[in-house]
Amino acid sequence: MKKFLAVIFLIILLTLSPASLAKNISGLERRFEQTRVYNTKDKLKVMKAVANTLQDSDFIVEEFEPDLGFIRAQKLYKQRYINKGRLAGQSMLWAMATSYAVFTWGSTAAYMYSPTRKIADELHEKNSIIDTNVIVENFGKNKVKVRLVLVQKITQNAEGFSYTKSSTLRAIRINEPKVYEEFFAQLEEKL
């Protein structure tokens, strides 16, 4: 019996743990993917082109500091993200409350309410925010360097409300080279 329970426990752990299939790259390689150098000395023109490119991609520019060469923008959208660990835990609580309600002939059925709401909240779409920071700086005499960093933040819906009381569940740095290549290709069209 103990071996059977150990096998079940191991299967649950393996299904709940995220498999990391992402390619490990060094910080220098990541910086190379996120950075481009342009042959112009007009830093403000490049910053305006970056802001226009971000706005064309449905980002909302929140900060624009031409003296510092800093632009911060965000994009909000809905995404289905299910935390399997939280879902399994709430499902176990729901199952225990249900079995307890059966054995007490329904007098404790109210205990099923909280896990039911939390399961429903976990299955709803969550707000996802892509936060971007762009640094534009002079590089040499007649060049401007642009570095773009993208971070995806998945927020937790608090009891069914998407915009109030939401906190970040997970923050993921976007390291896909294709995303950066597309952004810089759009930027080069505007320069």
N, C-alpha and C. Protein backbone atom coordinates (compact mmCIF):
# COMPACT_ATOMS: atom_id res chain seq x y z
N MET A 1 0.82 -1.20 0.00
CA MET A 1 0.00 0.00 0.00
C MET A 1 0.87 1.27 0.00
N LYS A 2 1.99 1.22 0.76
CA LYS A 2 2.86 2.37 0.83
C LYS A 2 3.52 2.65 -0.52
N LYS A 3 3.88 1.57 -1.24
CA LYS A 3 4.48 1.75 -2.55
C LYS A 3 3.48 2.37 -3.52
N PHE A 4 2.23 1.93 -3.42
CA PHE A 4 1.18 2.46 -4.29
C PHE A 4 0.99 3.95 -4.03
N LEU A 5 0.94 4.35 -2.75
CA LEU A 5 0.78 5.77 -2.41
C LEU A 5 2.00 6.58 -2.85
N ALA A 6 3.20 5.99 -2.73
CA ALA A 6 4.41 6.69 -3.16
C ALA A 6 4.38 6.92 -4.67
N VAL A 7 3.93 5.92 -5.44
CA VAL A 7 3.84 6.07 -6.89
C VAL A 7 2.82 7.14 -7.25
N ILE A 8 1.67 7.14 -6.59
CA ILE A 8 0.63 8.16 -6.84
C ILE A 8 1.18 9.55 -6.52
N PHE A 9 1.86 9.66 -5.39
CA PHE A 9 2.44 10.95 -4.99
C PHE A 9 3.46 11.42 -6.02
N LEU A 10 4.30 10.51 -6.52
CA LEU A 10 5.30 10.84 -7.52
C LEU A 10 4.65 11.29 -8.83
N ILE A 11 3.59 10.63 -9.23
CA ILE A 11 2.88 11.01 -10.45
C ILE A 11 2.29 12.40 -10.31
N ILE A 12 1.71 12.68 -9.15
CA ILE A 12 1.13 14.01 -8.91
C ILE A 12 2.22 15.08 -8.96
N LEU A 13 3.35 14.81 -8.33
CA LEU A 13 4.45 15.79 -8.36
C LEU A 13 4.96 16.04 -9.77
N LEU A 14 5.08 14.99 -10.56
CA LEU A 14 5.58 15.16 -11.92
C LEU A 14 4.61 15.90 -12.81
N THR A 15 3.31 15.71 -12.59
CA THR A 15 2.34 16.41 -13.42
C THR A 15 2.18 17.87 -13.00
N LEU A 16 2.44 18.18 -11.73
CA LEU A 16 2.27 19.55 -11.26
C LEU A 16 3.51 20.39 -11.47
N SER A 17 4.68 19.79 -11.55
CA SER A 17 5.89 20.58 -11.71
C SER A 17 6.04 21.00 -13.17
N PRO A 18 6.37 22.28 -13.42
CA PRO A 18 6.52 22.73 -14.80
C PRO A 18 7.79 22.18 -15.42
N ALA A 19 7.68 21.69 -16.61
CA ALA A 19 8.85 21.18 -17.32
C ALA A 19 9.53 22.34 -18.01
N SER A 20 10.78 22.52 -17.71
CA SER A 20 11.52 23.63 -18.30
C SER A 20 12.18 23.15 -19.58
N LEU A 21 11.57 23.51 -20.69
CA LEU A 21 12.11 23.13 -21.99
C LEU A 21 12.79 24.31 -22.67
N ALA A 22 12.82 25.45 -21.99
CA ALA A 22 13.40 26.64 -22.60
C ALA A 22 14.91 26.50 -22.72
N LYS A 23 15.43 27.05 -23.79
CA LYS A 23 16.86 27.00 -24.05
C LYS A 23 17.56 27.98 -23.10
N ASN A 24 18.58 27.50 -22.41
CA ASN A 24 19.36 28.37 -21.54
C ASN A 24 20.33 29.17 -22.38
N ILE A 25 20.23 30.48 -22.26
CA ILE A 25 21.16 31.34 -22.97
C ILE A 25 21.80 32.27 -21.96
N SER A 26 23.00 32.71 -22.27
CA SER A 26 23.71 33.59 -21.35
C SER A 26 23.14 35.00 -21.41
N GLY A 27 23.52 35.79 -20.41
CA GLY A 27 23.07 37.17 -20.37
C GLY A 27 23.56 37.99 -21.54
N LEU A 28 24.77 37.68 -22.01
CA LEU A 28 25.34 38.41 -23.15
C LEU A 28 24.57 38.10 -24.43
N GLU A 29 24.20 36.84 -24.63
CA GLU A 29 23.41 36.47 -25.81
C GLU A 29 22.02 37.12 -25.75
N ARG A 30 21.43 37.14 -24.56
CA ARG A 30 20.12 37.75 -24.39
C ARG A 30 20.20 39.25 -24.69
N ARG A 31 21.24 39.91 -24.22
CA ARG A 31 21.42 41.34 -24.47
C ARG A 31 21.61 41.60 -25.96
N PHE A 32 22.32 40.73 -26.65
CA PHE A 32 22.54 40.87 -28.09
C PHE A 32 21.21 40.79 -28.84
N GLU A 33 20.31 39.89 -28.42
CA GLU A 33 19.00 39.76 -29.07
C GLU A 33 18.13 40.99 -28.82
N GLN A 34 18.30 41.62 -27.67
CA GLN A 34 17.44 42.74 -27.28
C GLN A 34 17.97 44.10 -27.72
N THR A 35 19.14 44.15 -28.35
CA THR A 35 19.78 45.42 -28.67
C THR A 35 20.06 45.54 -30.16
N ARG A 36 19.84 46.75 -30.69
CA ARG A 36 20.19 47.08 -32.07
C ARG A 36 20.86 48.45 -32.07
N VAL A 37 21.78 48.64 -33.02
CA VAL A 37 22.48 49.90 -33.18
C VAL A 37 22.11 50.47 -34.54
N TYR A 38 21.76 51.79 -34.57
CA TYR A 38 21.34 52.45 -35.80
C TYR A 38 22.31 53.57 -36.15
N ASN A 39 22.53 53.75 -37.45
CA ASN A 39 23.47 54.76 -37.94
C ASN A 39 22.77 56.11 -38.06
N THR A 40 22.54 56.73 -36.96
CA THR A 40 21.99 58.09 -36.91
C THR A 40 22.45 58.71 -35.60
N LYS A 41 22.52 60.02 -35.57
CA LYS A 41 22.90 60.66 -34.31
C LYS A 41 21.72 61.36 -33.65
N ASP A 42 20.54 61.27 -34.26
CA ASP A 42 19.35 61.92 -33.72
C ASP A 42 18.62 60.96 -32.76
N LYS A 43 18.97 61.06 -31.49
CA LYS A 43 18.40 60.17 -30.47
C LYS A 43 16.90 60.39 -30.30
N LEU A 44 16.45 61.64 -30.37
CA LEU A 44 15.03 61.95 -30.20
C LEU A 44 14.19 61.35 -31.32
N LYS A 45 14.71 61.37 -32.54
CA LYS A 45 14.00 60.78 -33.67
C LYS A 45 13.83 59.27 -33.47
N VAL A 46 14.86 58.62 -32.97
CA VAL A 46 14.79 57.18 -32.71
C VAL A 46 13.79 56.89 -31.59
N MET A 47 13.79 57.74 -30.56
CA MET A 47 12.84 57.54 -29.45
C MET A 47 11.40 57.68 -29.93
N LYS A 48 11.15 58.67 -30.80
CA LYS A 48 9.80 58.84 -31.34
C LYS A 48 9.41 57.64 -32.19
N ALA A 49 10.35 57.11 -32.97
CA ALA A 49 10.06 55.92 -33.78
C ALA A 49 9.77 54.72 -32.90
N VAL A 50 10.50 54.58 -31.79
CA VAL A 50 10.24 53.48 -30.84
C VAL A 50 8.85 53.63 -30.24
N ALA A 51 8.50 54.84 -29.82
CA ALA A 51 7.17 55.07 -29.24
C ALA A 51 6.07 54.77 -30.26
N ASN A 52 6.25 55.19 -31.51
CA ASN A 52 5.26 54.91 -32.54
C ASN A 52 5.14 53.41 -32.81
N THR A 53 6.26 52.71 -32.82
CA THR A 53 6.24 51.26 -33.04
C THR A 53 5.50 50.56 -31.90
N LEU A 54 5.76 50.99 -30.67
CA LEU A 54 5.05 50.41 -29.54
C LEU A 54 3.55 50.67 -29.62
N GLN A 55 3.17 51.90 -29.98
CA GLN A 55 1.75 52.22 -30.08
C GLN A 55 1.08 51.48 -31.23
N ASP A 56 1.80 51.24 -32.31
CA ASP A 56 1.24 50.45 -33.42
C ASP A 56 1.01 49.00 -33.01
N SER A 57 1.74 48.54 -31.99
CA SER A 57 1.57 47.17 -31.49
C SER A 57 0.63 47.12 -30.28
N ASP A 58 -0.20 48.15 -30.12
CA ASP A 58 -1.23 48.25 -29.07
C ASP A 58 -0.67 48.42 -27.66
N PHE A 59 0.54 48.94 -27.54
CA PHE A 59 1.08 49.28 -26.22
C PHE A 59 0.63 50.69 -25.86
N ILE A 60 0.52 50.94 -24.58
CA ILE A 60 0.22 52.27 -24.07
C ILE A 60 1.50 52.82 -23.45
N VAL A 61 2.01 53.90 -24.02
CA VAL A 61 3.25 54.50 -23.51
C VAL A 61 2.91 55.23 -22.22
N GLU A 62 3.57 54.82 -21.15
CA GLU A 62 3.30 55.41 -19.84
C GLU A 62 4.35 56.42 -19.41
N GLU A 63 5.59 56.19 -19.82
CA GLU A 63 6.66 57.13 -19.49
C GLU A 63 7.51 57.36 -20.73
N PHE A 64 7.85 58.62 -20.95
CA PHE A 64 8.69 58.99 -22.08
C PHE A 64 9.65 60.05 -21.56
N GLU A 65 10.90 59.67 -21.33
CA GLU A 65 11.91 60.57 -20.79
C GLU A 65 13.02 60.77 -21.82
N PRO A 66 12.92 61.82 -22.66
CA PRO A 66 13.93 62.01 -23.71
C PRO A 66 15.32 62.32 -23.16
N ASP A 67 15.40 62.98 -22.00
CA ASP A 67 16.72 63.29 -21.44
C ASP A 67 17.44 62.03 -20.99
N LEU A 68 16.69 61.09 -20.41
CA LEU A 68 17.29 59.84 -19.95
C LEU A 68 17.34 58.77 -21.03
N GLY A 69 16.56 58.96 -22.09
CA GLY A 69 16.50 57.95 -23.14
C GLY A 69 15.70 56.73 -22.70
N PHE A 70 14.63 56.95 -21.93
CA PHE A 70 13.86 55.85 -21.34
C PHE A 70 12.41 55.92 -21.78
N ILE A 71 11.88 54.78 -22.20
CA ILE A 71 10.46 54.66 -22.55
C ILE A 71 9.92 53.43 -21.84
N ARG A 72 8.75 53.59 -21.19
CA ARG A 72 8.08 52.46 -20.55
C ARG A 72 6.67 52.39 -21.10
N ALA A 73 6.27 51.18 -21.50
CA ALA A 73 4.93 51.00 -22.06
C ALA A 73 4.36 49.66 -21.59
N GLN A 74 3.01 49.57 -21.62
CA GLN A 74 2.33 48.35 -21.20
C GLN A 74 1.25 47.99 -22.20
N LYS A 75 0.98 46.69 -22.24
CA LYS A 75 -0.10 46.17 -23.08
C LYS A 75 -0.89 45.19 -22.22
N LEU A 76 -2.21 45.36 -22.17
CA LEU A 76 -3.07 44.52 -21.34
C LEU A 76 -3.95 43.65 -22.23
N TYR A 77 -4.02 42.38 -21.91
CA TYR A 77 -4.91 41.48 -22.63
C TYR A 77 -5.30 40.32 -21.72
N LYS A 78 -6.31 39.57 -22.11
CA LYS A 78 -6.79 38.41 -21.36
C LYS A 78 -6.08 37.16 -21.84
N GLN A 79 -5.78 36.27 -20.90
CA GLN A 79 -5.09 35.04 -21.23
C GLN A 79 -5.55 33.94 -20.28
N ARG A 80 -5.63 32.74 -20.80
CA ARG A 80 -5.97 31.60 -19.95
C ARG A 80 -4.68 31.04 -19.38
N TYR A 81 -4.55 31.14 -18.06
CA TYR A 81 -3.40 30.60 -17.33
C TYR A 81 -3.94 29.90 -16.11
N ILE A 82 -3.67 28.61 -16.00
CA ILE A 82 -4.18 27.82 -14.88
C ILE A 82 -3.00 27.32 -14.07
N ASN A 83 -2.99 27.67 -12.81
CA ASN A 83 -1.98 27.17 -11.88
C ASN A 83 -2.47 25.81 -11.40
N LYS A 84 -1.85 24.75 -11.90
CA LYS A 84 -2.33 23.39 -11.61
C LYS A 84 -2.22 23.05 -10.13
N GLY A 85 -1.23 23.59 -9.45
CA GLY A 85 -1.07 23.33 -8.02
C GLY A 85 -2.22 23.91 -7.22
N ARG A 86 -2.56 25.17 -7.51
CA ARG A 86 -3.69 25.79 -6.80
C ARG A 86 -5.00 25.09 -7.13
N LEU A 87 -5.17 24.71 -8.41
CA LEU A 87 -6.39 24.03 -8.82
C LEU A 87 -6.51 22.67 -8.13
N ALA A 88 -5.42 21.93 -8.04
CA ALA A 88 -5.45 20.63 -7.37
C ALA A 88 -5.75 20.79 -5.88
N GLY A 89 -5.14 21.78 -5.25
CA GLY A 89 -5.38 22.01 -3.82
C GLY A 89 -6.83 22.37 -3.54
N GLN A 90 -7.40 23.27 -4.34
CA GLN A 90 -8.80 23.65 -4.14
C GLN A 90 -9.74 22.51 -4.48
N SER A 91 -9.37 21.68 -5.45
CA SER A 91 -10.20 20.52 -5.79
C SER A 91 -10.21 19.52 -4.64
N MET A 92 -9.06 19.35 -3.99
CA MET A 92 -9.00 18.46 -2.82
C MET A 92 -9.86 19.00 -1.68
N LEU A 93 -9.80 20.31 -1.45
CA LEU A 93 -10.64 20.91 -0.40
C LEU A 93 -12.12 20.74 -0.73
N TRP A 94 -12.46 20.93 -2.02
CA TRP A 94 -13.84 20.78 -2.44
C TRP A 94 -14.30 19.33 -2.23
N ALA A 95 -13.43 18.37 -2.58
CA ALA A 95 -13.78 16.95 -2.42
C ALA A 95 -13.97 16.61 -0.94
N MET A 96 -13.11 17.14 -0.08
CA MET A 96 -13.26 16.88 1.36
C MET A 96 -14.54 17.51 1.90
N ALA A 97 -14.83 18.75 1.46
CA ALA A 97 -16.06 19.41 1.93
C ALA A 97 -17.30 18.66 1.43
N THR A 98 -17.24 18.15 0.21
CA THR A 98 -18.37 17.40 -0.34
C THR A 98 -18.59 16.10 0.42
N SER A 99 -17.51 15.37 0.67
CA SER A 99 -17.67 14.11 1.41
C SER A 99 -18.14 14.37 2.83
N TYR A 100 -17.66 15.44 3.45
CA TYR A 100 -18.11 15.80 4.79
C TYR A 100 -19.59 16.16 4.78
N ALA A 101 -20.03 16.88 3.73
CA ALA A 101 -21.45 17.24 3.62
C ALA A 101 -22.32 16.00 3.43
N VAL A 102 -21.81 15.00 2.70
CA VAL A 102 -22.58 13.77 2.50
C VAL A 102 -22.75 13.04 3.82
N PHE A 103 -21.66 12.95 4.60
CA PHE A 103 -21.73 12.22 5.87
C PHE A 103 -22.51 12.96 6.95
N THR A 104 -22.68 14.27 6.81
CA THR A 104 -23.47 15.03 7.78
C THR A 104 -24.85 15.36 7.24
N TRP A 105 -25.23 14.70 6.20
CA TRP A 105 -26.55 14.82 5.58
C TRP A 105 -26.84 16.25 5.12
N GLY A 106 -25.82 16.91 4.61
CA GLY A 106 -26.00 18.22 3.99
C GLY A 106 -25.93 19.39 4.94
N SER A 107 -25.75 19.14 6.23
CA SER A 107 -25.74 20.27 7.17
C SER A 107 -24.47 21.11 7.06
N THR A 108 -23.41 20.57 6.46
CA THR A 108 -22.16 21.33 6.30
C THR A 108 -21.89 21.67 4.83
N ALA A 109 -22.93 21.72 4.04
CA ALA A 109 -22.77 22.00 2.61
C ALA A 109 -22.21 23.40 2.36
N ALA A 110 -22.33 24.29 3.30
CA ALA A 110 -21.82 25.65 3.13
C ALA A 110 -20.30 25.67 3.00
N TYR A 111 -19.62 24.64 3.52
CA TYR A 111 -18.16 24.58 3.41
C TYR A 111 -17.70 24.38 1.97
N MET A 112 -18.59 23.98 1.08
CA MET A 112 -18.24 23.77 -0.32
C MET A 112 -18.16 25.09 -1.10
N TYR A 113 -18.72 26.16 -0.53
CA TYR A 113 -18.82 27.43 -1.24
C TYR A 113 -17.45 28.04 -1.57
N SER A 114 -16.56 28.14 -0.59
CA SER A 114 -15.28 28.79 -0.80
C SER A 114 -14.41 28.06 -1.83
N PRO A 115 -14.23 26.72 -1.72
CA PRO A 115 -13.43 26.06 -2.76
C PRO A 115 -14.06 26.16 -4.15
N THR A 116 -15.39 26.15 -4.22
CA THR A 116 -16.06 26.25 -5.51
C THR A 116 -15.76 27.59 -6.16
N ARG A 117 -15.82 28.68 -5.38
CA ARG A 117 -15.51 30.01 -5.93
C ARG A 117 -14.05 30.10 -6.36
N LYS A 118 -13.16 29.53 -5.58
CA LYS A 118 -11.73 29.62 -5.91
C LYS A 118 -11.40 28.78 -7.14
N ILE A 119 -12.07 27.65 -7.31
CA ILE A 119 -11.86 26.85 -8.52
C ILE A 119 -12.36 27.61 -9.74
N ALA A 120 -13.55 28.22 -9.63
CA ALA A 120 -14.10 29.00 -10.74
C ALA A 120 -13.19 30.18 -11.08
N ASP A 121 -12.64 30.83 -10.05
CA ASP A 121 -11.74 31.96 -10.29
C ASP A 121 -10.46 31.49 -10.97
N GLU A 122 -9.97 30.33 -10.61
CA GLU A 122 -8.75 29.81 -11.22
C GLU A 122 -8.96 29.46 -12.69
N LEU A 123 -10.17 29.04 -13.06
CA LEU A 123 -10.44 28.63 -14.43
C LEU A 123 -10.78 29.80 -15.35
N HIS A 124 -11.08 30.98 -14.79
CA HIS A 124 -11.39 32.15 -15.61
C HIS A 124 -10.12 32.67 -16.28
N GLU A 125 -10.34 33.43 -17.34
CA GLU A 125 -9.20 34.09 -17.99
C GLU A 125 -8.62 35.14 -17.06
N LYS A 126 -7.33 35.29 -17.11
CA LYS A 126 -6.65 36.24 -16.25
C LYS A 126 -6.12 37.39 -17.10
N ASN A 127 -5.97 38.53 -16.46
CA ASN A 127 -5.35 39.66 -17.14
C ASN A 127 -3.87 39.39 -17.26
N SER A 128 -3.34 39.66 -18.41
CA SER A 128 -1.92 39.51 -18.64
C SER A 128 -1.40 40.86 -19.13
N ILE A 129 -0.30 41.27 -18.56
CA ILE A 129 0.29 42.56 -18.90
C ILE A 129 1.68 42.31 -19.48
N ILE A 130 1.95 42.90 -20.62
CA ILE A 130 3.31 42.88 -21.14
C ILE A 130 3.89 44.26 -20.86
N ASP A 131 4.89 44.25 -20.01
CA ASP A 131 5.56 45.49 -19.60
C ASP A 131 6.87 45.59 -20.36
N THR A 132 7.12 46.74 -20.93
CA THR A 132 8.34 46.92 -21.71
C THR A 132 9.12 48.13 -21.23
N ASN A 133 10.42 47.98 -21.23
CA ASN A 133 11.34 49.08 -20.94
C ASN A 133 12.27 49.21 -22.13
N VAL A 134 12.42 50.42 -22.62
CA VAL A 134 13.30 50.67 -23.76
C VAL A 134 14.31 51.74 -23.34
N ILE A 135 15.57 51.43 -23.58
CA ILE A 135 16.64 52.38 -23.32
C ILE A 135 17.23 52.78 -24.67
N VAL A 136 17.27 54.09 -24.93
CA VAL A 136 17.85 54.63 -26.16
C VAL A 136 19.00 55.53 -25.75
N GLU A 137 20.19 55.22 -26.26
CA GLU A 137 21.37 56.01 -25.87
C GLU A 137 22.31 56.18 -27.05
N ASN A 138 23.09 57.25 -26.98
CA ASN A 138 24.10 57.48 -28.01
C ASN A 138 25.19 56.43 -27.88
N PHE A 139 25.66 55.97 -29.03
CA PHE A 139 26.66 54.92 -29.06
C PHE A 139 27.74 55.34 -30.05
N GLY A 140 28.82 55.83 -29.55
CA GLY A 140 29.86 56.35 -30.44
C GLY A 140 29.49 57.75 -30.90
N LYS A 141 30.02 58.16 -32.07
CA LYS A 141 29.78 59.51 -32.55
C LYS A 141 28.46 59.64 -33.31
N ASN A 142 28.20 58.74 -34.24
CA ASN A 142 27.03 58.88 -35.11
C ASN A 142 26.11 57.67 -35.03
N LYS A 143 26.00 57.05 -33.87
CA LYS A 143 25.15 55.88 -33.74
C LYS A 143 24.28 55.99 -32.49
N VAL A 144 23.14 55.32 -32.56
CA VAL A 144 22.21 55.26 -31.43
C VAL A 144 21.92 53.80 -31.15
N LYS A 145 21.98 53.43 -29.88
CA LYS A 145 21.73 52.04 -29.46
C LYS A 145 20.37 51.96 -28.79
N VAL A 146 19.58 50.94 -29.16
CA VAL A 146 18.25 50.73 -28.60
C VAL A 146 18.22 49.36 -27.96
N ARG A 147 17.82 49.30 -26.69
CA ARG A 147 17.65 48.02 -26.01
C ARG A 147 16.22 47.92 -25.51
N LEU A 148 15.57 46.82 -25.87
CA LEU A 148 14.18 46.55 -25.52
C LEU A 148 14.12 45.34 -24.60
N VAL A 149 13.42 45.47 -23.47
CA VAL A 149 13.23 44.35 -22.55
C VAL A 149 11.72 44.17 -22.35
N LEU A 150 11.24 42.95 -22.57
CA LEU A 150 9.82 42.63 -22.42
C LEU A 150 9.62 41.67 -21.26
N VAL A 151 8.64 41.96 -20.40
CA VAL A 151 8.31 41.10 -19.27
C VAL A 151 6.80 40.90 -19.29
N GLN A 152 6.37 39.63 -19.21
CA GLN A 152 4.94 39.32 -19.16
C GLN A 152 4.56 39.07 -17.71
N LYS A 153 3.51 39.75 -17.25
CA LYS A 153 3.02 39.59 -15.88
C LYS A 153 1.59 39.05 -15.95
N ILE A 154 1.37 37.93 -15.31
CA ILE A 154 0.03 37.34 -15.25
C ILE A 154 -0.53 37.68 -13.89
N THR A 155 -1.69 38.33 -13.87
CA THR A 155 -2.27 38.79 -12.61
C THR A 155 -3.36 37.83 -12.14
N GLN A 156 -3.53 37.80 -10.85
CA GLN A 156 -4.54 36.94 -10.23
C GLN A 156 -5.84 37.71 -10.12
N ASN A 157 -6.92 37.10 -10.57
CA ASN A 157 -8.23 37.70 -10.38
C ASN A 157 -8.64 37.47 -8.93
N ALA A 158 -9.00 38.51 -8.24
CA ALA A 158 -9.39 38.39 -6.85
C ALA A 158 -10.90 38.23 -6.76
N GLU A 159 -11.34 37.04 -6.49
CA GLU A 159 -12.75 36.69 -6.33
C GLU A 159 -13.59 37.16 -7.51
N GLY A 160 -13.09 36.92 -8.71
CA GLY A 160 -13.85 37.20 -9.91
C GLY A 160 -13.65 38.58 -10.48
N PHE A 161 -13.00 39.48 -9.75
CA PHE A 161 -12.79 40.83 -10.25
C PHE A 161 -11.45 40.89 -10.96
N SER A 162 -11.45 41.40 -12.17
CA SER A 162 -10.23 41.41 -12.96
C SER A 162 -9.34 42.62 -12.65
N TYR A 163 -9.93 43.74 -12.39
CA TYR A 163 -9.15 44.96 -12.31
C TYR A 163 -8.89 45.42 -10.88
N THR A 164 -9.74 45.03 -9.96
CA THR A 164 -9.52 45.44 -8.58
C THR A 164 -8.88 44.31 -7.81
N LYS A 165 -8.04 44.64 -6.90
CA LYS A 165 -7.38 43.69 -6.02
C LYS A 165 -6.57 42.65 -6.78
N SER A 166 -6.10 42.94 -7.96
CA SER A 166 -5.34 41.93 -8.69
C SER A 166 -3.86 42.11 -8.36
N SER A 167 -3.21 40.99 -8.14
CA SER A 167 -1.78 41.00 -7.87
C SER A 167 -1.09 40.08 -8.86
N THR A 168 0.20 40.30 -9.05
CA THR A 168 0.94 39.53 -10.03
C THR A 168 1.14 38.11 -9.53
N LEU A 169 0.68 37.14 -10.32
CA LEU A 169 0.89 35.73 -10.02
C LEU A 169 2.26 35.27 -10.47
N ARG A 170 2.63 35.72 -11.65
CA ARG A 170 3.85 35.24 -12.26
C ARG A 170 4.41 36.31 -13.20
N ALA A 171 5.69 36.54 -13.14
CA ALA A 171 6.35 37.46 -14.05
C ALA A 171 7.38 36.65 -14.86
N ILE A 172 7.26 36.74 -16.18
CA ILE A 172 8.10 35.94 -17.06
C ILE A 172 8.83 36.89 -18.00
N ARG A 173 10.14 36.79 -18.05
CA ARG A 173 10.90 37.60 -19.00
C ARG A 173 10.80 36.93 -20.37
N ILE A 174 10.42 37.68 -21.36
CA ILE A 174 10.25 37.13 -22.70
C ILE A 174 11.61 37.07 -23.38
N ASN A 175 12.04 35.86 -23.72
CA ASN A 175 13.36 35.65 -24.29
C ASN A 175 13.31 35.08 -25.70
N GLU A 176 12.17 35.17 -26.35
CA GLU A 176 12.05 34.61 -27.70
C GLU A 176 12.65 35.59 -28.71
N PRO A 177 13.67 35.16 -29.45
CA PRO A 177 14.32 36.07 -30.40
C PRO A 177 13.38 36.58 -31.48
N LYS A 178 12.39 35.77 -31.86
CA LYS A 178 11.47 36.16 -32.92
C LYS A 178 10.69 37.43 -32.56
N VAL A 179 10.31 37.55 -31.30
CA VAL A 179 9.55 38.73 -30.85
C VAL A 179 10.39 39.99 -31.02
N TYR A 180 11.66 39.91 -30.62
CA TYR A 180 12.54 41.08 -30.74
C TYR A 180 12.85 41.39 -32.20
N GLU A 181 13.04 40.36 -33.01
CA GLU A 181 13.30 40.58 -34.44
C GLU A 181 12.14 41.28 -35.11
N GLU A 182 10.90 40.89 -34.77
CA GLU A 182 9.72 41.54 -35.36
C GLU A 182 9.64 43.01 -34.94
N PHE A 183 9.91 43.28 -33.65
CA PHE A 183 9.85 44.66 -33.18
C PHE A 183 10.88 45.52 -33.89
N PHE A 184 12.11 45.04 -33.98
CA PHE A 184 13.16 45.84 -34.60
C PHE A 184 12.95 45.97 -36.11
N ALA A 185 12.32 44.99 -36.73
CA ALA A 185 12.00 45.12 -38.16
C ALA A 185 10.96 46.23 -38.37
N GLN A 186 9.96 46.30 -37.48
CA GLN A 186 8.96 47.38 -37.57
C GLN A 186 9.60 48.73 -37.28
N LEU A 187 10.54 48.74 -36.34
CA LEU A 187 11.23 49.99 -36.00
C LEU A 187 12.06 50.50 -37.17
N GLU A 188 12.74 49.61 -37.86
CA GLU A 188 13.58 50.02 -39.00
C GLU A 188 12.74 50.61 -40.13
N GLU A 189 11.50 50.17 -40.28
CA GLU A 189 10.62 50.75 -41.30
C GLU A 189 10.30 52.20 -40.98
N LYS A 190 10.24 52.55 -39.70
CA LYS A 190 9.88 53.90 -39.28
C LYS A 190 11.06 54.85 -39.27
N LEU A 191 12.26 54.31 -39.29
CA LEU A 191 13.46 55.19 -39.24
C LEU A 191 13.85 55.69 -40.59
